[in-house]
Amino acid sequence: MTLTRRSLAALALAVPAAPAFAQGDPRLAVREAGRADAPVVVQEFFSLTCGHCATFHNTVWPEVKSKLVETGRVRLVWRDFPLDGVALAAACVARSLPAERYEGFITILFQIQNRWAYAEGRQLEELARLAAMAGMSRPDFDKAVGDEALRRAVFEGRQEAVRRHNITATPSFLFNSRLHTGGLDFARFQQAVQDAPRA
């Protein structure tokens, strides 16, 4: 999904000014899969409300994980790039769960994206229900969604991706230092891994 100036402005308005987040906040630690010494690091910039991101995660990620990540060829790093306020809330909830539940939770969100992300007027209630299934209490959910410092940190991470890597759409992938914007099937993903510049 391509980022527009209008969607950027709307999201900026949804994120109030807040003090800088505390250094060392475990919720902001890198969420990743794979070995630290993998020769190719793939950063995936995604929005939990992006249909193209859901397609990649649901249909391509399982093969990437089994054939490239678990074999030690690739380390995948998930980078939040929320395109709207619902995606921002979902990213905050996912990051507020224990790190070991992160991948499983975003997998569920992508698998049933149509049931929560587009439930007009009920998105947060549906998201709260899914978070409860992942072990998050309603008070903890409300705290995660309302945490202005966390929301600001996630938003600033997105802005840094725009400045540093020229990310303009989701999904986008950085294969070491080579950028690909848009969805990929497994064959094209594997080719991009093979073509990724090495240090």
C-alpha atoms as a PDB file:
ATOM      1  CA  MET A   1       0.000   0.000   0.000  1.00  0.00           C
ATOM      2  CA  THR A   2       1.441   3.350  -1.049  1.00  0.00           C
ATOM      3  CA  LEU A   3       1.849   6.108   1.472  1.00  0.00           C
ATOM      4  CA  THR A   4       0.093   9.345   0.567  1.00  0.00           C
ATOM      5  CA  ARG A   5       0.604  12.798   1.977  1.00  0.00           C
ATOM      6  CA  ARG A   6      -2.993  12.726   3.262  1.00  0.00           C
ATOM      7  CA  SER A   7      -2.558   9.421   5.121  1.00  0.00           C
ATOM      8  CA  LEU A   8       0.721  10.663   6.598  1.00  0.00           C
ATOM      9  CA  ALA A   9      -0.905  13.867   7.855  1.00  0.00           C
ATOM     10  CA  ALA A  10      -3.845  11.960   9.340  1.00  0.00           C
ATOM     11  CA  LEU A  11      -1.566   9.583  11.194  1.00  0.00           C
ATOM     12  CA  ALA A  12       0.617  12.420  12.461  1.00  0.00           C
ATOM     13  CA  LEU A  13      -2.486  14.034  13.942  1.00  0.00           C
ATOM     14  CA  ALA A  14      -3.385  10.740  15.629  1.00  0.00           C
ATOM     15  CA  VAL A  15      -0.051  10.673  17.454  1.00  0.00           C
ATOM     16  CA  PRO A  16       0.166  13.329  20.152  1.00  0.00           C
ATOM     17  CA  ALA A  17       3.427  14.940  21.084  1.00  0.00           C
ATOM     18  CA  ALA A  18       4.991  13.012  23.915  1.00  0.00           C
ATOM     19  CA  PRO A  19       8.285  12.830  25.751  1.00  0.00           C
ATOM     20  CA  ALA A  20      10.951  10.692  24.123  1.00  0.00           C
ATOM     21  CA  PHE A  21      10.578   7.036  25.042  1.00  0.00           C
ATOM     22  CA  ALA A  22      12.828   5.616  27.706  1.00  0.00           C
ATOM     23  CA  GLN A  23      16.013   4.099  26.374  1.00  0.00           C
ATOM     24  CA  GLY A  24      16.040   0.367  26.920  1.00  0.00           C
ATOM     25  CA  ASP A  25      12.249  -0.048  26.817  1.00  0.00           C
ATOM     26  CA  PRO A  26      11.915  -3.773  25.992  1.00  0.00           C
ATOM     27  CA  ARG A  27       8.791  -3.102  23.943  1.00  0.00           C
ATOM     28  CA  LEU A  28      10.951  -1.267  21.426  1.00  0.00           C
ATOM     29  CA  ALA A  29      13.588  -3.973  21.138  1.00  0.00           C
ATOM     30  CA  VAL A  30      14.143  -5.472  17.698  1.00  0.00           C
ATOM     31  CA  ARG A  31      11.616  -8.120  16.737  1.00  0.00           C
ATOM     32  CA  GLU A  32      13.313 -10.632  14.480  1.00  0.00           C
ATOM     33  CA  ALA A  33      13.638 -14.238  13.386  1.00  0.00           C
ATOM     34  CA  GLY A  34      16.862 -16.009  12.457  1.00  0.00           C
ATOM     35  CA  ARG A  35      20.479 -16.285  13.446  1.00  0.00           C
ATOM     36  CA  ALA A  36      22.477 -13.224  14.407  1.00  0.00           C
ATOM     37  CA  ASP A  37      25.273 -14.254  12.022  1.00  0.00           C
ATOM     38  CA  ALA A  38      23.064 -14.772   8.954  1.00  0.00           C
ATOM     39  CA  PRO A  39      24.811 -13.339   5.870  1.00  0.00           C
ATOM     40  CA  VAL A  40      21.691 -11.494   4.699  1.00  0.00           C
ATOM     41  CA  VAL A  41      19.552  -9.328   6.947  1.00  0.00           C
ATOM     42  CA  VAL A  42      16.143  -8.553   5.485  1.00  0.00           C
ATOM     43  CA  GLN A  43      14.210  -5.706   7.063  1.00  0.00           C
ATOM     44  CA  GLU A  44      10.492  -5.869   6.326  1.00  0.00           C
ATOM     45  CA  PHE A  45       8.625  -2.573   6.639  1.00  0.00           C
ATOM     46  CA  PHE A  46       4.962  -3.442   7.103  1.00  0.00           C
ATOM     47  CA  SER A  47       1.609  -2.197   8.290  1.00  0.00           C
ATOM     48  CA  LEU A  48      -0.756  -4.557  10.071  1.00  0.00           C
ATOM     49  CA  THR A  49      -3.701  -3.106   8.103  1.00  0.00           C
ATOM     50  CA  CYS A  50      -2.026  -3.480   4.690  1.00  0.00           C
ATOM     51  CA  GLY A  51      -3.577  -6.190   2.522  1.00  0.00           C
ATOM     52  CA  HIS A  52      -0.361  -6.663   0.520  1.00  0.00           C
ATOM     53  CA  CYS A  53       1.564  -7.183   3.778  1.00  0.00           C
ATOM     54  CA  ALA A  54      -0.995  -9.782   4.829  1.00  0.00           C
ATOM     55  CA  THR A  55      -0.590 -11.592   1.505  1.00  0.00           C
ATOM     56  CA  PHE A  56       3.178 -11.757   1.960  1.00  0.00           C
ATOM     57  CA  HIS A  57       2.973 -12.909   5.563  1.00  0.00           C
ATOM     58  CA  ASN A  58       0.271 -15.494   4.903  1.00  0.00           C
ATOM     59  CA  THR A  59       1.548 -16.979   1.661  1.00  0.00           C
ATOM     60  CA  VAL A  60       5.288 -16.286   1.364  1.00  0.00           C
ATOM     61  CA  TRP A  61       6.646 -15.900   4.894  1.00  0.00           C
ATOM     62  CA  PRO A  62       6.135 -19.586   5.889  1.00  0.00           C
ATOM     63  CA  GLU A  63       8.366 -20.712   3.002  1.00  0.00           C
ATOM     64  CA  VAL A  64      10.893 -17.942   3.637  1.00  0.00           C
ATOM     65  CA  LYS A  65      11.014 -18.976   7.275  1.00  0.00           C
ATOM     66  CA  SER A  66      11.511 -22.688   6.627  1.00  0.00           C
ATOM     67  CA  LYS A  67      13.892 -22.452   3.663  1.00  0.00           C
ATOM     68  CA  LEU A  68      15.905 -19.312   4.334  1.00  0.00           C
ATOM     69  CA  VAL A  69      15.568 -18.243   7.966  1.00  0.00           C
ATOM     70  CA  GLU A  70      15.699 -21.596   9.737  1.00  0.00           C
ATOM     71  CA  THR A  71      18.607 -22.700   7.519  1.00  0.00           C
ATOM     72  CA  GLY A  72      20.691 -19.716   8.643  1.00  0.00           C
ATOM     73  CA  ARG A  73      20.785 -17.860   5.334  1.00  0.00           C
ATOM     74  CA  VAL A  74      18.546 -14.952   6.358  1.00  0.00           C
ATOM     75  CA  ARG A  75      17.670 -13.004   9.473  1.00  0.00           C
ATOM     76  CA  LEU A  76      14.370 -11.193   9.099  1.00  0.00           C
ATOM     77  CA  VAL A  77      13.746  -8.022  11.096  1.00  0.00           C
ATOM     78  CA  TRP A  78      10.185  -6.701  11.377  1.00  0.00           C
ATOM     79  CA  ARG A  79       9.888  -2.897  11.163  1.00  0.00           C
ATOM     80  CA  ASP A  80       6.607  -1.211  12.062  1.00  0.00           C
ATOM     81  CA  PHE A  81       5.390   1.148   9.348  1.00  0.00           C
ATOM     82  CA  PRO A  82       1.766   1.790  10.339  1.00  0.00           C
ATOM     83  CA  LEU A  83      -0.330   3.450   7.652  1.00  0.00           C
ATOM     84  CA  ASP A  84      -3.233   4.466   9.877  1.00  0.00           C
ATOM     85  CA  GLY A  85      -4.315   4.789  13.483  1.00  0.00           C
ATOM     86  CA  VAL A  86      -5.651   1.227  13.662  1.00  0.00           C
ATOM     87  CA  ALA A  87      -2.313  -0.169  12.455  1.00  0.00           C
ATOM     88  CA  LEU A  88      -0.520   2.017  14.987  1.00  0.00           C
ATOM     89  CA  ALA A  89      -2.685   0.688  17.821  1.00  0.00           C
ATOM     90  CA  ALA A  90      -2.124  -2.894  16.659  1.00  0.00           C
ATOM     91  CA  ALA A  91       1.648  -2.357  16.498  1.00  0.00           C
ATOM     92  CA  CYS A  92       1.638  -1.004  20.058  1.00  0.00           C
ATOM     93  CA  VAL A  93      -0.361  -4.003  21.292  1.00  0.00           C
ATOM     94  CA  ALA A  94       1.943  -6.473  19.498  1.00  0.00           C
ATOM     95  CA  ARG A  95       5.015  -4.830  20.999  1.00  0.00           C
ATOM     96  CA  SER A  96       3.449  -4.870  24.469  1.00  0.00           C
ATOM     97  CA  LEU A  97       3.134  -8.644  24.451  1.00  0.00           C
ATOM     98  CA  PRO A  98       6.117 -10.732  25.579  1.00  0.00           C
ATOM     99  CA  ALA A  99       8.650 -10.842  22.729  1.00  0.00           C
ATOM    100  CA  GLU A 100       8.209 -14.589  22.264  1.00  0.00           C
ATOM    101  CA  ARG A 101       4.518 -14.013  21.400  1.00  0.00           C
ATOM    102  CA  TYR A 102       5.153 -11.264  18.854  1.00  0.00           C
ATOM    103  CA  GLU A 103       5.433 -13.344  15.686  1.00  0.00           C
ATOM    104  CA  GLY A 104       2.461 -15.524  16.586  1.00  0.00           C
ATOM    105  CA  PHE A 105       0.315 -12.492  17.311  1.00  0.00           C
ATOM    106  CA  ILE A 106       1.091 -10.624  14.091  1.00  0.00           C
ATOM    107  CA  THR A 107       0.529 -13.889  12.213  1.00  0.00           C
ATOM    108  CA  ILE A 108      -2.990 -14.114  13.620  1.00  0.00           C
ATOM    109  CA  LEU A 109      -3.612 -10.439  12.840  1.00  0.00           C
ATOM    110  CA  PHE A 110      -2.588 -10.977   9.232  1.00  0.00           C
ATOM    111  CA  GLN A 111      -4.515 -14.240   8.865  1.00  0.00           C
ATOM    112  CA  ILE A 112      -7.811 -12.681   9.939  1.00  0.00           C
ATOM    113  CA  GLN A 113      -7.075  -9.090   8.938  1.00  0.00           C
ATOM    114  CA  ASN A 114     -10.496  -8.618   7.320  1.00  0.00           C
ATOM    115  CA  ARG A 115     -12.266  -9.472  10.585  1.00  0.00           C
ATOM    116  CA  TRP A 116     -10.592  -6.798  12.732  1.00  0.00           C
ATOM    117  CA  ALA A 117      -8.820  -4.176  10.608  1.00  0.00           C
ATOM    118  CA  TYR A 118     -11.877  -3.344   8.527  1.00  0.00           C
ATOM    119  CA  ALA A 119     -14.585  -3.867  11.165  1.00  0.00           C
ATOM    120  CA  GLU A 120     -15.842  -0.313  10.832  1.00  0.00           C
ATOM    121  CA  GLY A 121     -16.244   1.263  14.262  1.00  0.00           C
ATOM    122  CA  ARG A 122     -15.282  -1.974  16.022  1.00  0.00           C
ATOM    123  CA  GLN A 123     -11.581  -2.271  15.179  1.00  0.00           C
ATOM    124  CA  LEU A 124     -10.316  -1.691  18.712  1.00  0.00           C
ATOM    125  CA  GLU A 125     -12.874  -4.045  20.237  1.00  0.00           C
ATOM    126  CA  GLU A 126     -11.894  -6.788  17.801  1.00  0.00           C
ATOM    127  CA  LEU A 127      -8.222  -6.097  18.437  1.00  0.00           C
ATOM    128  CA  ALA A 128      -8.814  -6.275  22.198  1.00  0.00           C
ATOM    129  CA  ARG A 129     -10.517  -9.642  21.757  1.00  0.00           C
ATOM    130  CA  LEU A 130      -7.538 -11.006  19.819  1.00  0.00           C
ATOM    131  CA  ALA A 131      -5.100  -9.588  22.359  1.00  0.00           C
ATOM    132  CA  ALA A 132      -7.049 -11.356  25.125  1.00  0.00           C
ATOM    133  CA  MET A 133      -6.596 -14.630  23.249  1.00  0.00           C
ATOM    134  CA  ALA A 134      -2.846 -13.915  23.288  1.00  0.00           C
ATOM    135  CA  GLY A 135      -2.946 -13.471  27.069  1.00  0.00           C
ATOM    136  CA  MET A 136      -3.306  -9.699  27.393  1.00  0.00           C
ATOM    137  CA  SER A 137      -5.823  -8.383  29.928  1.00  0.00           C
ATOM    138  CA  ARG A 138      -8.185  -5.559  28.975  1.00  0.00           C
ATOM    139  CA  PRO A 139      -6.454  -3.084  31.340  1.00  0.00           C
ATOM    140  CA  ASP A 140      -3.095  -3.952  29.751  1.00  0.00           C
ATOM    141  CA  PHE A 141      -4.625  -3.587  26.289  1.00  0.00           C
ATOM    142  CA  ASP A 142      -6.033  -0.157  27.133  1.00  0.00           C
ATOM    143  CA  LYS A 143      -2.679   0.860  28.568  1.00  0.00           C
ATOM    144  CA  ALA A 144      -0.814  -0.260  25.421  1.00  0.00           C
ATOM    145  CA  VAL A 145      -3.216   1.510  23.066  1.00  0.00           C
ATOM    146  CA  GLY A 146      -3.199   4.682  25.150  1.00  0.00           C
ATOM    147  CA  ASP A 147       0.552   4.836  25.795  1.00  0.00           C
ATOM    148  CA  GLU A 148       1.493   8.088  24.093  1.00  0.00           C
ATOM    149  CA  ALA A 149       5.241   7.539  24.455  1.00  0.00           C
ATOM    150  CA  LEU A 150       4.994   4.120  22.794  1.00  0.00           C
ATOM    151  CA  ARG A 151       2.800   5.451  20.002  1.00  0.00           C
ATOM    152  CA  ARG A 152       5.236   8.299  19.412  1.00  0.00           C
ATOM    153  CA  ALA A 153       8.209   5.917  19.356  1.00  0.00           C
ATOM    154  CA  VAL A 154       6.559   3.626  16.792  1.00  0.00           C
ATOM    155  CA  PHE A 155       5.581   6.631  14.683  1.00  0.00           C
ATOM    156  CA  GLU A 156       9.091   8.093  14.891  1.00  0.00           C
ATOM    157  CA  GLY A 157      10.501   4.738  13.804  1.00  0.00           C
ATOM    158  CA  ARG A 158       8.313   4.961  10.719  1.00  0.00           C
ATOM    159  CA  GLN A 159       9.481   8.501  10.020  1.00  0.00           C
ATOM    160  CA  GLU A 160      13.102   7.387  10.360  1.00  0.00           C
ATOM    161  CA  ALA A 161      12.450   4.664   7.755  1.00  0.00           C
ATOM    162  CA  VAL A 162      11.194   7.351   5.368  1.00  0.00           C
ATOM    163  CA  ARG A 163      14.225   9.557   5.969  1.00  0.00           C
ATOM    164  CA  ARG A 164      16.891   6.885   6.048  1.00  0.00           C
ATOM    165  CA  HIS A 165      15.643   4.330   3.530  1.00  0.00           C
ATOM    166  CA  ASN A 166      13.076   6.266   1.461  1.00  0.00           C
ATOM    167  CA  ILE A 167      10.282   3.864   2.388  1.00  0.00           C
ATOM    168  CA  THR A 168       7.104   5.020   0.641  1.00  0.00           C
ATOM    169  CA  ALA A 169       4.898   1.915   0.559  1.00  0.00           C
ATOM    170  CA  THR A 170       4.213  -1.356   2.311  1.00  0.00           C
ATOM    171  CA  PRO A 171       5.479  -3.924   2.203  1.00  0.00           C
ATOM    172  CA  SER A 172       9.032  -2.806   1.526  1.00  0.00           C
ATOM    173  CA  PHE A 173      12.097  -4.959   2.048  1.00  0.00           C
ATOM    174  CA  LEU A 174      15.701  -3.991   2.601  1.00  0.00           C
ATOM    175  CA  PHE A 175      18.008  -6.856   1.590  1.00  0.00           C
ATOM    176  CA  ASN A 176      21.152  -5.804   3.445  1.00  0.00           C
ATOM    177  CA  SER A 177      21.270  -2.372   1.788  1.00  0.00           C
ATOM    178  CA  ARG A 178      19.216  -3.007  -1.386  1.00  0.00           C
ATOM    179  CA  LEU A 179      15.605  -1.805  -1.285  1.00  0.00           C
ATOM    180  CA  HIS A 180      12.654  -3.569  -2.885  1.00  0.00           C
ATOM    181  CA  THR A 181       9.215  -1.980  -2.665  1.00  0.00           C
ATOM    182  CA  GLY A 182       6.095  -4.093  -3.113  1.00  0.00           C
ATOM    183  CA  GLY A 183       5.077  -7.687  -2.620  1.00  0.00           C
ATOM    184  CA  LEU A 184       7.284 -10.619  -3.531  1.00  0.00           C
ATOM    185  CA  ASP A 185       6.612 -14.269  -4.180  1.00  0.00           C
ATOM    186  CA  PHE A 186       9.080 -16.806  -2.802  1.00  0.00           C
ATOM    187  CA  ALA A 187      11.135 -17.120  -5.999  1.00  0.00           C
ATOM    188  CA  ARG A 188      11.660 -13.364  -6.256  1.00  0.00           C
ATOM    189  CA  PHE A 189      12.388 -13.091  -2.527  1.00  0.00           C
ATOM    190  CA  GLN A 190      15.005 -15.857  -2.814  1.00  0.00           C
ATOM    191  CA  GLN A 191      16.568 -14.150  -5.835  1.00  0.00           C
ATOM    192  CA  ALA A 192      16.746 -10.865  -3.943  1.00  0.00           C
ATOM    193  CA  VAL A 193      18.533 -12.678  -1.110  1.00  0.00           C
ATOM    194  CA  GLN A 194      21.047 -14.111  -3.587  1.00  0.00           C
ATOM    195  CA  ASP A 195      21.581 -10.672  -5.152  1.00  0.00           C
ATOM    196  CA  ALA A 196      21.863  -8.797  -1.837  1.00  0.00           C
ATOM    197  CA  PRO A 197      25.132  -6.893  -1.476  1.00  0.00           C
ATOM    198  CA  ARG A 198      27.509  -8.399   1.053  1.00  0.00           C
ATOM    199  CA  ALA A 199      29.524  -6.340   3.489  1.00  0.00           C
END
